[in-house]
C-alpha atoms as a PDB file:
ATOM      1  CA  MET A   1      -0.075  -0.138   0.108  1.00  0.00           C
ATOM      2  CA  SER A   2       1.655   3.481  -1.109  1.00  0.00           C
ATOM      3  CA  ALA A   3       2.064   5.772   1.661  1.00  0.00           C
ATOM      4  CA  ARG A   4      -0.805   8.045   0.851  1.00  0.00           C
ATOM      5  CA  ALA A   5      -3.181   5.230   0.392  1.00  0.00           C
ATOM      6  CA  SER A   6      -1.732   4.642   3.885  1.00  0.00           C
ATOM      7  CA  LEU A   7      -2.303   8.023   5.080  1.00  0.00           C
ATOM      8  CA  ILE A   8      -5.972   7.942   3.901  1.00  0.00           C
ATOM      9  CA  ALA A   9      -6.970   4.615   5.295  1.00  0.00           C
ATOM     10  CA  ALA A  10      -5.770   5.804   8.903  1.00  0.00           C
ATOM     11  CA  LEU A  11      -7.485   9.079   9.049  1.00  0.00           C
ATOM     12  CA  ALA A  12     -10.829   7.219   8.047  1.00  0.00           C
ATOM     13  CA  ALA A  13     -10.171   4.531  10.227  1.00  0.00           C
ATOM     14  CA  LEU A  14      -9.682   7.594  13.191  1.00  0.00           C
ATOM     15  CA  ALA A  15     -12.978   9.256  12.480  1.00  0.00           C
ATOM     16  CA  LEU A  16     -15.305   6.058  12.290  1.00  0.00           C
ATOM     17  CA  PRO A  17     -16.875   5.085  15.744  1.00  0.00           C
ATOM     18  CA  ALA A  18     -17.644   1.155  15.802  1.00  0.00           C
ATOM     19  CA  GLY A  19     -21.082   0.847  14.286  1.00  0.00           C
ATOM     20  CA  ALA A  20     -22.306   4.215  14.022  1.00  0.00           C
ATOM     21  CA  ALA A  21     -23.739   5.510  11.417  1.00  0.00           C
ATOM     22  CA  PRO A  22     -23.962   9.121  10.137  1.00  0.00           C
ATOM     23  CA  THR A  23     -26.661  11.162  11.537  1.00  0.00           C
ATOM     24  CA  ASP A  24     -25.338  14.391  10.124  1.00  0.00           C
ATOM     25  CA  HIS A  25     -24.788  15.321   6.692  1.00  0.00           C
ATOM     26  CA  TYR A  26     -23.518  18.961   5.609  1.00  0.00           C
ATOM     27  CA  ILE A  27     -22.014  21.026   2.397  1.00  0.00           C
ATOM     28  CA  GLY A  28     -19.028  23.413   3.639  1.00  0.00           C
ATOM     29  CA  VAL A  29     -18.681  26.476   1.255  1.00  0.00           C
ATOM     30  CA  VAL A  30     -15.106  28.276   1.978  1.00  0.00           C
ATOM     31  CA  LEU A  31     -15.420  31.898   2.128  1.00  0.00           C
ATOM     32  CA  GLY A  32     -11.624  32.817   2.331  1.00  0.00           C
ATOM     33  CA  SER A  33      -8.705  33.273   4.872  1.00  0.00           C
ATOM     34  CA  ALA A  34      -6.700  36.337   6.609  1.00  0.00           C
ATOM     35  CA  HIS A  35      -2.864  35.871   6.802  1.00  0.00           C
ATOM     36  CA  ILE A  36      -2.194  38.191   9.570  1.00  0.00           C
ATOM     37  CA  GLY A  37       1.520  39.828   9.515  1.00  0.00           C
ATOM     38  CA  THR A  38       1.810  39.464   5.630  1.00  0.00           C
ATOM     39  CA  ALA A  39       0.510  40.924   1.677  1.00  0.00           C
ATOM     40  CA  ASP A  40       1.992  38.342  -0.288  1.00  0.00           C
ATOM     41  CA  LEU A  41      -0.543  35.712   0.101  1.00  0.00           C
ATOM     42  CA  ASN A  42      -3.506  35.160  -1.610  1.00  0.00           C
ATOM     43  CA  ASN A  43      -6.790  35.740   0.778  1.00  0.00           C
ATOM     44  CA  VAL A  44      -9.339  34.808  -1.456  1.00  0.00           C
ATOM     45  CA  ASN A  45      -9.546  31.182  -1.317  1.00  0.00           C
ATOM     46  CA  PRO A  46     -13.715  29.586  -2.190  1.00  0.00           C
ATOM     47  CA  GLY A  47     -13.812  26.250  -1.835  1.00  0.00           C
ATOM     48  CA  LEU A  48     -16.521  23.655  -1.576  1.00  0.00           C
ATOM     49  CA  THR A  49     -16.625  20.455   1.147  1.00  0.00           C
ATOM     50  CA  TYR A  50     -18.781  17.828   1.996  1.00  0.00           C
ATOM     51  CA  GLY A  51     -19.035  16.563   5.462  1.00  0.00           C
ATOM     52  CA  VAL A  52     -20.468  13.882   7.845  1.00  0.00           C
ATOM     53  CA  ALA A  53     -20.453  13.272  11.583  1.00  0.00           C
ATOM     54  CA  TRP A  54     -21.470  11.077  14.012  1.00  0.00           C
ATOM     55  CA  PRO A  55     -22.430  10.723  17.435  1.00  0.00           C
ATOM     56  CA  THR A  56     -20.153   9.768  20.487  1.00  0.00           C
ATOM     57  CA  ALA A  57     -20.754   7.944  24.031  1.00  0.00           C
ATOM     58  CA  ASN A  58     -20.776  11.831  24.905  1.00  0.00           C
ATOM     59  CA  PRO A  59     -23.991  13.766  23.620  1.00  0.00           C
ATOM     60  CA  ARG A  60     -22.126  17.038  23.664  1.00  0.00           C
ATOM     61  CA  ARG A  61     -19.412  15.472  21.263  1.00  0.00           C
ATOM     62  CA  VAL A  62     -19.073  14.247  17.682  1.00  0.00           C
ATOM     63  CA  TRP A  63     -16.831  13.031  15.330  1.00  0.00           C
ATOM     64  CA  PHE A  64     -16.674  14.144  11.669  1.00  0.00           C
ATOM     65  CA  VAL A  65     -14.832  13.918   8.259  1.00  0.00           C
ATOM     66  CA  GLU A  66     -15.299  16.618   6.259  1.00  0.00           C
ATOM     67  CA  GLY A  67     -13.275  16.193   2.390  1.00  0.00           C
ATOM     68  CA  GLY A  68     -13.387  18.761  -0.482  1.00  0.00           C
ATOM     69  CA  VAL A  69     -11.342  21.348  -2.566  1.00  0.00           C
ATOM     70  CA  PHE A  70     -10.323  24.988  -2.109  1.00  0.00           C
ATOM     71  CA  TYR A  71      -7.948  27.761  -3.797  1.00  0.00           C
ATOM     72  CA  ASN A  72      -5.286  27.898  -1.704  1.00  0.00           C
ATOM     73  CA  SER A  73      -3.008  31.060  -0.145  1.00  0.00           C
ATOM     74  CA  TYR A  74      -0.464  30.205  -2.785  1.00  0.00           C
ATOM     75  CA  ARG A  75      -3.197  30.189  -5.907  1.00  0.00           C
ATOM     76  CA  GLU A  76      -2.952  26.619  -6.118  1.00  0.00           C
ATOM     77  CA  VAL A  77      -6.080  24.169  -5.929  1.00  0.00           C
ATOM     78  CA  SER A  78      -6.266  21.988  -3.391  1.00  0.00           C
ATOM     79  CA  PRO A  79      -7.630  18.642  -2.311  1.00  0.00           C
ATOM     80  CA  LEU A  80      -8.321  18.336   1.092  1.00  0.00           C
ATOM     81  CA  LEU A  81      -9.456  15.647   3.847  1.00  0.00           C
ATOM     82  CA  VAL A  82      -9.485  16.196   7.663  1.00  0.00           C
ATOM     83  CA  VAL A  83     -11.283  13.883  10.345  1.00  0.00           C
ATOM     84  CA  GLY A  84     -11.881  15.747  14.066  1.00  0.00           C
ATOM     85  CA  THR A  85     -14.166  15.681  16.866  1.00  0.00           C
ATOM     86  CA  ALA A  86     -16.231  18.651  18.355  1.00  0.00           C
ATOM     87  CA  TRP A  87     -17.765  19.881  21.818  1.00  0.00           C
ATOM     88  CA  ASP A  88     -20.794  21.580  22.145  1.00  0.00           C
ATOM     89  CA  LEU A  89     -19.836  24.725  24.197  1.00  0.00           C
ATOM     90  CA  GLY A  90     -23.363  25.934  24.703  1.00  0.00           C
ATOM     91  CA  ARG A  91     -25.455  28.755  23.705  1.00  0.00           C
ATOM     92  CA  LEU A  92     -24.833  32.671  22.773  1.00  0.00           C
ATOM     93  CA  GLY A  93     -28.078  33.872  22.506  1.00  0.00           C
ATOM     94  CA  PRO A  94     -30.007  32.426  19.445  1.00  0.00           C
ATOM     95  CA  ALA A  95     -26.776  30.502  18.662  1.00  0.00           C
ATOM     96  CA  ARG A  96     -25.383  27.098  19.483  1.00  0.00           C
ATOM     97  CA  MET A  97     -21.563  27.814  20.088  1.00  0.00           C
ATOM     98  CA  ARG A  98     -19.254  24.825  19.269  1.00  0.00           C
ATOM     99  CA  LEU A  99     -15.467  23.657  19.658  1.00  0.00           C
ATOM    100  CA  GLY A 100     -13.739  21.796  16.829  1.00  0.00           C
ATOM    101  CA  VAL A 101     -10.172  19.942  16.483  1.00  0.00           C
ATOM    102  CA  GLU A 102      -9.368  18.431  13.084  1.00  0.00           C
ATOM    103  CA  ALA A 103      -6.397  17.094  11.469  1.00  0.00           C
ATOM    104  CA  GLY A 104      -5.816  15.269   7.511  1.00  0.00           C
ATOM    105  CA  THR A 105      -4.001  16.362   4.859  1.00  0.00           C
ATOM    106  CA  ALA A 106      -4.239  18.835   2.167  1.00  0.00           C
ATOM    107  CA  TYR A 107      -2.209  19.336  -1.494  1.00  0.00           C
ATOM    108  CA  TYR A 108      -0.064  22.450  -1.569  1.00  0.00           C
ATOM    109  CA  ARG A 109       2.473  21.522  -4.268  1.00  0.00           C
ATOM    110  CA  LYS A 110       4.628  25.292  -3.471  1.00  0.00           C
ATOM    111  CA  LEU A 111       4.137  25.248   0.278  1.00  0.00           C
ATOM    112  CA  SER A 112       5.026  21.517   0.288  1.00  0.00           C
ATOM    113  CA  VAL A 113       7.944  22.034  -0.975  1.00  0.00           C
ATOM    114  CA  GLU A 114       9.292  24.329   0.970  1.00  0.00           C
ATOM    115  CA  LEU A 115       8.476  23.175   4.373  1.00  0.00           C
ATOM    116  CA  GLN A 116       9.849  19.744   3.611  1.00  0.00           C
ATOM    117  CA  ARG A 117      13.246  21.636   2.932  1.00  0.00           C
ATOM    118  CA  ASP A 118      13.115  24.359   6.100  1.00  0.00           C
ATOM    119  CA  TYR A 119      10.994  22.241   8.737  1.00  0.00           C
ATOM    120  CA  GLY A 120      11.049  18.377   7.460  1.00  0.00           C
ATOM    121  CA  ILE A 121       7.679  18.394   7.456  1.00  0.00           C
ATOM    122  CA  PRO A 122       6.597  14.982   5.499  1.00  0.00           C
ATOM    123  CA  ASN A 123       5.323  16.180   1.496  1.00  0.00           C
ATOM    124  CA  LEU A 124       3.629  13.277   0.325  1.00  0.00           C
ATOM    125  CA  ALA A 125       3.670  13.651  -3.861  1.00  0.00           C
ATOM    126  CA  GLY A 126       2.375  17.577  -2.231  1.00  0.00           C
ATOM    127  CA  PHE A 127       0.222  16.512   0.121  1.00  0.00           C
ATOM    128  CA  ILE A 128       1.019  17.893   3.833  1.00  0.00           C
ATOM    129  CA  PRO A 129      -0.441  16.969   7.539  1.00  0.00           C
ATOM    130  CA  ILE A 130      -3.279  19.823   8.466  1.00  0.00           C
ATOM    131  CA  VAL A 131      -4.158  20.539  11.973  1.00  0.00           C
ATOM    132  CA  GLY A 132      -6.919  23.598  12.560  1.00  0.00           C
ATOM    133  CA  LEU A 133      -9.207  24.368  15.332  1.00  0.00           C
ATOM    134  CA  THR A 134     -12.388  25.482  14.891  1.00  0.00           C
ATOM    135  CA  LEU A 135     -15.330  28.124  16.828  1.00  0.00           C
ATOM    136  CA  THR A 136     -18.336  27.642  15.169  1.00  0.00           C
ATOM    137  CA  ALA A 137     -22.175  29.420  15.684  1.00  0.00           C
ATOM    138  CA  GLU A 138     -24.886  27.350  14.231  1.00  0.00           C
ATOM    139  CA  LEU A 139     -28.555  28.736  13.801  1.00  0.00           C
ATOM    140  CA  GLY A 140     -30.636  26.345  12.569  1.00  0.00           C
ATOM    141  CA  GLN A 141     -29.189  24.063   9.425  1.00  0.00           C
ATOM    142  CA  THR A 142     -26.271  27.271   8.819  1.00  0.00           C
ATOM    143  CA  GLU A 143     -23.129  27.469  10.398  1.00  0.00           C
ATOM    144  CA  LEU A 144     -20.538  29.871  10.598  1.00  0.00           C
ATOM    145  CA  ARG A 145     -17.483  28.802  11.071  1.00  0.00           C
ATOM    146  CA  LEU A 146     -14.244  30.386  11.963  1.00  0.00           C
ATOM    147  CA  THR A 147     -11.092  28.102  11.729  1.00  0.00           C
ATOM    148  CA  THR A 148      -7.131  28.975  12.595  1.00  0.00           C
ATOM    149  CA  VAL A 149      -4.299  26.834  11.284  1.00  0.00           C
ATOM    150  CA  PRO A 150      -0.442  27.341  12.550  1.00  0.00           C
ATOM    151  CA  ALA A 151       0.798  29.978  11.001  1.00  0.00           C
ATOM    152  CA  GLY A 152       4.548  29.830   8.986  1.00  0.00           C
ATOM    153  CA  GLN A 153       7.651  32.350   8.023  1.00  0.00           C
ATOM    154  CA  ASN A 154       6.469  35.941   8.243  1.00  0.00           C
ATOM    155  CA  VAL A 155       2.586  35.279   8.886  1.00  0.00           C
ATOM    156  CA  ARG A 156       1.871  35.679  12.529  1.00  0.00           C
ATOM    157  CA  ALA A 157      -1.784  33.953  12.401  1.00  0.00           C
ATOM    158  CA  ILE A 158      -4.071  32.651   9.749  1.00  0.00           C
ATOM    159  CA  VAL A 159      -7.758  32.770  10.281  1.00  0.00           C
ATOM    160  CA  ASN A 160     -10.354  30.912   7.648  1.00  0.00           C
ATOM    161  CA  LEU A 161     -14.119  31.851   7.656  1.00  0.00           C
ATOM    162  CA  SER A 162     -16.613  29.341   6.060  1.00  0.00           C
ATOM    163  CA  LEU A 163     -20.116  28.493   6.265  1.00  0.00           C
ATOM    164  CA  ALA A 164     -21.857  25.152   6.219  1.00  0.00           C
ATOM    165  CA  ARG A 165     -25.441  23.900   5.515  1.00  0.00           C
ATOM    166  CA  HIS A 166     -26.682  20.253   7.588  1.00  0.00           C
ATOM    167  CA  PHE A 167     -28.973  18.403   5.756  1.00  0.00           C
END
């Protein structure tokens, strides 16, 4: 089995609770990013994702898998796949608030070479590991999401804005 296939299989296995079926499906729309500390990166990052979520033994927590494609900060089309978990934080006015963490992989042809060269971060044919922390505000079937990922050289912070619609 190739390294890429092994990575995808491992991510899927982590996200699938034994015997559980997804109870929530959603479509995500990536709107854009802010790269704080630099003007060199593209902040217009449209994308489209599909996700599914499963309940856990804790009624305030879910597992999820989300995959799709977006136009990244290096002006490349990037497929991505993440798995994660989210915790219900309670309500803030009419919105249900959640905090989630995710890990997975995304394709960054230009960045992957630099990260491997400068920091030894694995690069499997342009696919690199990614992690994120997401705060969501859910109103009915619509969710507003703010996600941050680790910043790199010359960038103090990265924040991504997206919407999701559950069905």
